[in-house]
Amino acid sequence: MKLKLDDAGHVVVSDGKPVYVHDDGKEAPFDAAHTLSTIARINGEAKSHRERAEAAEGKLKGFDGIDDPAAARKAIETVANLDAGQLVTAGKVEEIKTAAKKAAEEQVAAAAKASNEKIAELEGKNTKLTDDLYSEKVGGAFSRSKYVAEKIAVPGDMLQAMFGNRFKVEDGKIVGYDPAGNKIYSRSKPGEVADFEEALEMTVDAYAYRDSILKGSGNKGDGALGSNRNNNSGAKTISRAAFDGLDPAARGAKMKEGYTVTD
């Protein structure tokens, strides 16, 4: 496309607009003002398209890593369609867990408390049964003892108050112990634990004031020294009536102090 010139070499003008001859030979005036307006409009549109493209690219960055837009859209729709009740339930999951844990802990604590109370109750019953067994076995042994009836000058309960703590019930049998805490073994049956009668006799024989509780000066336990009660002018005595008026503990104390019961 080139300007049209007249014979004098001047630009041909039509309606104040220069005329151009196009490559195909057609002539047309060039409207510069209209062209500038068109260029401005196109530039504005290009700027608008560019801004929209930049904004779209910025939004797309938030979807980096999402390879399946359809699946993402479906997930969004699913979440949007959750009703309020479902959302509340989801929010209370932790609360429900905490309540369940607390209830379980309370049940365990209650069961442990009940178990401990039962154990304490059973231990109490066991202690009572043990005490009852001891009273029946050991107390009965003292009261039924042939040795006590024939050799001892004081009542069986008195002798029990003095030496009862030397005897224990083990496996249903009465076992005697010396002051050092050792079992008393039989002299007649070496290697075997002494029975009650023999253990009691050996215990009395080892008692420093045995003469004060044996019947008569001539009666002494196995291996005991002869009594010199009648030869001891300084011996302590207590009347039978006064002695019988004492409780078992007081009687035991008198015997340990070396008192002799007189009729």
Protein backbone atom coordinates (compact mmCIF):
# COMPACT_ATOMS: atom_id res chain seq x y z
CA MET A 1 0.00 0.00 0.00
CA LYS A 2 1.31 3.43 -1.08
CA LEU A 3 0.19 7.04 -1.25
CA LYS A 4 -1.50 8.17 -4.47
CA LEU A 5 0.28 11.08 -6.12
CA ASP A 6 -0.89 13.37 -8.86
CA ASP A 7 1.16 14.30 -11.94
CA ALA A 8 2.88 17.03 -10.02
CA GLY A 9 3.95 14.56 -7.32
CA HIS A 10 1.53 15.83 -4.75
CA VAL A 11 -0.51 13.54 -2.43
CA VAL A 12 -4.05 13.06 -3.66
CA VAL A 13 -6.56 13.97 -0.90
CA SER A 14 -10.23 12.94 -0.64
CA ASP A 15 -12.41 14.62 1.97
CA GLY A 16 -9.25 15.82 3.67
CA LYS A 17 -7.86 12.30 3.87
CA PRO A 18 -4.84 11.07 1.91
CA VAL A 19 -5.65 8.43 -0.64
CA TYR A 20 -3.71 5.18 -0.65
CA VAL A 21 -3.45 2.68 -3.47
CA HIS A 22 -3.62 -0.88 -2.16
CA ASP A 23 -1.64 -3.77 -3.61
CA ASP A 24 -4.69 -4.93 -5.58
CA GLY A 25 -4.91 -1.49 -7.27
CA LYS A 26 -7.93 -0.26 -5.35
CA GLU A 27 -7.83 3.26 -3.92
CA ALA A 28 -9.14 4.27 -0.49
CA PRO A 29 -8.70 7.31 1.69
CA PHE A 30 -6.83 6.72 4.99
CA ASP A 31 -8.78 7.93 8.11
CA ALA A 32 -5.98 8.53 10.59
CA ALA A 33 -8.29 9.64 13.44
CA HIS A 34 -10.48 6.58 13.09
CA THR A 35 -7.40 4.36 12.92
CA LEU A 36 -5.96 5.85 16.13
CA SER A 37 -9.31 5.36 17.88
CA THR A 38 -9.42 1.77 16.74
CA ILE A 39 -5.87 1.16 17.92
CA ALA A 40 -6.72 2.61 21.35
CA ARG A 41 -9.81 0.42 21.59
CA ILE A 42 -7.86 -2.70 20.64
CA ASN A 43 -5.12 -1.86 23.12
CA GLY A 44 -7.75 -1.48 25.87
CA GLU A 45 -9.29 -4.80 25.01
CA ALA A 46 -5.85 -6.45 24.97
CA LYS A 47 -5.09 -4.99 28.40
CA SER A 48 -8.40 -6.27 29.75
CA HIS A 49 -7.76 -9.75 28.36
CA ARG A 50 -4.27 -9.73 29.83
CA GLU A 51 -5.56 -8.74 33.29
CA ARG A 52 -8.20 -11.47 33.21
CA ALA A 53 -5.56 -14.00 32.17
CA GLU A 54 -3.27 -12.97 35.03
CA ALA A 55 -6.15 -13.19 37.54
CA ALA A 56 -7.08 -16.64 36.24
CA GLU A 57 -3.47 -17.82 36.53
CA GLY A 58 -3.38 -16.56 40.13
CA LYS A 59 -6.51 -18.55 40.99
CA LEU A 60 -5.17 -21.65 39.27
CA LYS A 61 -2.13 -21.66 41.57
CA GLY A 62 -4.45 -22.52 44.45
CA PHE A 63 -5.34 -25.77 42.65
CA ASP A 64 -1.77 -26.96 42.16
CA GLY A 65 -1.60 -30.75 42.65
CA ILE A 66 -5.24 -31.35 41.73
CA ASP A 67 -5.11 -33.57 38.67
CA ASP A 68 -8.79 -34.46 38.59
CA PRO A 69 -10.99 -31.33 38.71
CA ALA A 70 -14.15 -33.43 38.45
CA ALA A 71 -13.26 -35.44 41.56
CA ALA A 72 -12.37 -32.25 43.44
CA ARG A 73 -15.68 -30.68 42.46
CA LYS A 74 -17.53 -33.79 43.64
CA ALA A 75 -15.76 -33.71 47.00
CA ILE A 76 -16.66 -30.04 47.43
CA GLU A 77 -20.27 -30.79 46.61
CA THR A 78 -20.31 -33.67 49.13
CA VAL A 79 -19.02 -31.43 51.90
CA ALA A 80 -21.49 -28.70 50.93
CA ASN A 81 -24.34 -31.19 51.10
CA LEU A 82 -23.54 -32.36 54.68
CA ASP A 83 -26.43 -31.40 56.91
CA ALA A 84 -26.03 -29.60 60.21
CA GLY A 85 -26.71 -32.75 62.25
CA GLN A 86 -23.81 -34.58 60.62
CA LEU A 87 -21.47 -31.68 61.27
CA VAL A 88 -22.49 -31.56 64.95
CA THR A 89 -21.90 -35.31 65.27
CA ALA A 90 -18.47 -34.99 63.73
CA GLY A 91 -17.61 -32.21 66.13
CA LYS A 92 -18.62 -34.28 69.17
CA VAL A 93 -16.47 -37.31 68.39
CA GLU A 94 -13.70 -36.18 70.76
CA GLU A 95 -16.25 -35.29 73.44
CA ILE A 96 -17.76 -38.77 73.18
CA LYS A 97 -14.31 -40.38 73.43
CA THR A 98 -13.49 -38.36 76.55
CA ALA A 99 -16.81 -39.26 78.20
CA ALA A 100 -16.31 -42.97 77.39
CA LYS A 101 -12.79 -42.91 78.84
CA LYS A 102 -14.00 -41.20 82.01
CA ALA A 103 -16.82 -43.73 82.44
CA ALA A 104 -14.37 -46.63 81.98
CA GLU A 105 -11.95 -45.15 84.53
CA GLU A 106 -14.78 -44.69 87.04
CA GLN A 107 -15.88 -48.29 86.56
CA VAL A 108 -12.33 -49.55 87.08
CA ALA A 109 -11.93 -47.39 90.21
CA ALA A 110 -15.25 -48.64 91.60
CA ALA A 111 -14.30 -52.25 90.90
CA ALA A 112 -10.88 -51.75 92.54
CA LYS A 113 -12.50 -50.16 95.60
CA ALA A 114 -15.01 -53.00 95.92
CA SER A 115 -12.19 -55.52 95.50
CA ASN A 116 -10.06 -53.84 98.20
CA GLU A 117 -13.02 -53.73 100.57
CA LYS A 118 -13.68 -57.42 99.95
CA ILE A 119 -10.01 -58.24 100.53
CA ALA A 120 -10.06 -56.27 103.80
CA GLU A 121 -13.23 -58.09 104.85
CA LEU A 122 -11.74 -61.49 104.04
CA GLU A 123 -8.49 -60.61 105.80
CA GLY A 124 -10.51 -59.61 108.87
CA LYS A 125 -12.41 -62.88 108.78
CA ASN A 126 -9.17 -64.78 108.29
CA THR A 127 -7.61 -63.03 111.28
CA LYS A 128 -10.63 -63.86 113.43
CA LEU A 129 -10.62 -67.48 112.31
CA THR A 130 -6.89 -67.67 113.01
CA ASP A 131 -7.40 -66.18 116.48
CA ASP A 132 -10.31 -68.54 117.12
CA LEU A 133 -8.26 -71.51 115.97
CA TYR A 134 -5.37 -70.45 118.20
CA SER A 135 -7.68 -70.01 121.20
CA GLU A 136 -9.30 -73.36 120.64
CA LYS A 137 -6.12 -75.29 119.87
CA VAL A 138 -3.65 -73.67 122.26
CA GLY A 139 -6.12 -72.67 124.98
CA GLY A 140 -7.71 -76.10 124.86
CA ALA A 141 -4.29 -77.76 124.98
CA PHE A 142 -3.40 -75.88 128.18
CA SER A 143 -6.75 -76.65 129.82
CA ARG A 144 -6.66 -80.35 128.83
CA SER A 145 -2.96 -80.91 129.46
CA LYS A 146 -2.11 -83.95 131.58
CA TYR A 147 1.22 -82.36 132.43
CA VAL A 148 -0.49 -79.22 133.75
CA ALA A 149 -2.99 -81.27 135.78
CA GLU A 150 -0.31 -83.46 137.36
CA LYS A 151 2.72 -81.18 137.66
CA ILE A 152 1.61 -77.54 137.69
CA ALA A 153 0.39 -75.77 140.80
CA VAL A 154 -1.32 -72.89 138.96
CA PRO A 155 -4.42 -73.02 136.70
CA GLY A 156 -4.01 -73.73 133.01
CA ASP A 157 -5.12 -70.20 131.99
CA MET A 158 -2.40 -68.79 134.24
CA LEU A 159 0.22 -70.96 132.61
CA GLN A 160 -1.16 -69.96 129.19
CA ALA A 161 -0.84 -66.28 130.13
CA MET A 162 2.80 -66.91 130.93
CA PHE A 163 3.83 -69.14 128.02
CA GLY A 164 1.00 -69.03 125.47
CA ASN A 165 2.96 -66.75 123.14
CA ARG A 166 5.60 -69.49 122.83
CA PHE A 167 3.18 -71.68 120.87
CA LYS A 168 1.83 -71.35 117.35
CA VAL A 169 -0.65 -73.30 115.24
CA GLU A 170 1.04 -74.52 112.06
CA ASP A 171 -0.65 -76.89 109.59
CA GLY A 172 -3.21 -77.70 112.26
CA LYS A 173 -0.58 -78.67 114.85
CA ILE A 174 0.70 -76.84 117.92
CA VAL A 175 4.40 -76.02 117.67
CA GLY A 176 6.46 -74.71 120.58
CA TYR A 177 9.24 -72.12 120.27
CA ASP A 178 12.07 -71.23 122.65
CA PRO A 179 12.78 -67.60 123.71
CA ALA A 180 15.19 -67.24 120.74
CA GLY A 181 12.41 -68.07 118.28
CA ASN A 182 13.64 -71.58 117.45
CA LYS A 183 11.31 -74.55 117.26
CA ILE A 184 11.47 -76.93 120.21
CA TYR A 185 12.49 -80.42 119.09
CA SER A 186 11.63 -83.62 120.86
CA ARG A 187 14.14 -85.32 123.15
CA SER A 188 12.38 -88.64 122.91
CA LYS A 189 12.07 -88.46 119.11
CA PRO A 190 15.23 -86.79 117.82
CA GLY A 191 14.75 -84.85 114.62
CA GLU A 192 11.01 -84.35 115.16
CA VAL A 193 9.25 -81.26 116.51
CA ALA A 194 8.11 -81.83 120.10
CA ASP A 195 4.40 -82.26 120.69
CA PHE A 196 2.57 -79.83 122.96
CA GLU A 197 3.04 -81.79 126.21
CA GLU A 198 6.77 -82.25 125.77
CA ALA A 199 7.31 -78.69 124.48
CA LEU A 200 5.41 -77.26 127.46
CA GLU A 201 7.37 -79.36 129.94
CA MET A 202 10.66 -78.25 128.37
CA THR A 203 9.47 -74.63 128.47
CA VAL A 204 8.61 -74.85 132.17
CA ASP A 205 11.92 -76.59 132.92
CA ALA A 206 13.77 -73.64 131.35
CA TYR A 207 11.76 -71.10 133.37
CA ALA A 208 13.93 -69.44 136.06
CA TYR A 209 11.11 -69.59 138.64
CA ARG A 210 9.79 -73.03 137.70
CA ASP A 211 9.79 -74.18 141.34
CA SER A 212 7.15 -71.56 142.11
CA ILE A 213 4.67 -73.08 139.65
CA LEU A 214 5.45 -76.81 140.12
CA LYS A 215 3.45 -78.86 142.57
CA GLY A 216 5.51 -79.78 145.66
CA SER A 217 9.23 -79.39 146.16
CA GLY A 218 9.91 -82.87 144.86
CA ASN A 219 8.12 -82.40 141.48
CA LYS A 220 10.30 -81.08 138.76
CA GLY A 221 10.27 -81.26 135.02
CA ASP A 222 12.63 -83.32 132.91
CA GLY A 223 16.17 -82.10 133.52
CA ALA A 224 15.15 -79.53 136.13
CA LEU A 225 17.11 -78.91 139.28
CA GLY A 226 15.56 -79.81 142.62
CA SER A 227 13.42 -77.18 144.29
CA ASN A 228 14.81 -75.21 147.19
CA ARG A 229 11.56 -73.30 147.68
CA ASN A 230 11.14 -74.55 151.26
CA ASN A 231 14.72 -73.72 152.06
CA ASN A 232 14.51 -70.18 150.77
CA SER A 233 13.33 -68.01 153.65
CA GLY A 234 13.08 -65.04 151.31
CA ALA A 235 10.67 -66.68 148.84
CA LYS A 236 7.70 -64.57 147.71
CA THR A 237 4.28 -66.08 148.41
CA ILE A 238 0.65 -65.24 147.64
CA SER A 239 -2.44 -66.92 149.02
CA ARG A 240 -4.63 -69.04 146.79
CA ALA A 241 -7.62 -66.74 147.42
CA ALA A 242 -5.65 -63.63 146.51
CA PHE A 243 -4.13 -65.32 143.50
CA ASP A 244 -7.51 -66.52 142.19
CA GLY A 245 -8.83 -62.97 142.54
CA LEU A 246 -6.32 -61.67 139.97
CA ASP A 247 -6.91 -61.53 136.21
CA PRO A 248 -4.76 -63.81 134.01
CA ALA A 249 -2.29 -61.03 133.14
CA ALA A 250 -1.75 -60.15 136.79
CA ARG A 251 -1.34 -63.81 137.68
CA GLY A 252 1.28 -64.18 135.00
CA ALA A 253 3.12 -61.15 136.33
CA LYS A 254 3.16 -62.67 139.81
CA MET A 255 4.56 -65.91 138.49
CA LYS A 256 7.28 -64.10 136.54
CA GLU A 257 8.21 -62.23 139.72
CA GLY A 258 8.77 -65.59 141.47
CA TYR A 259 5.70 -65.69 143.70
CA THR A 260 4.58 -69.04 145.14
CA VAL A 261 0.87 -69.76 145.59
CA THR A 262 0.07 -71.06 149.08
CA ASP A 263 -3.14 -72.70 150.25
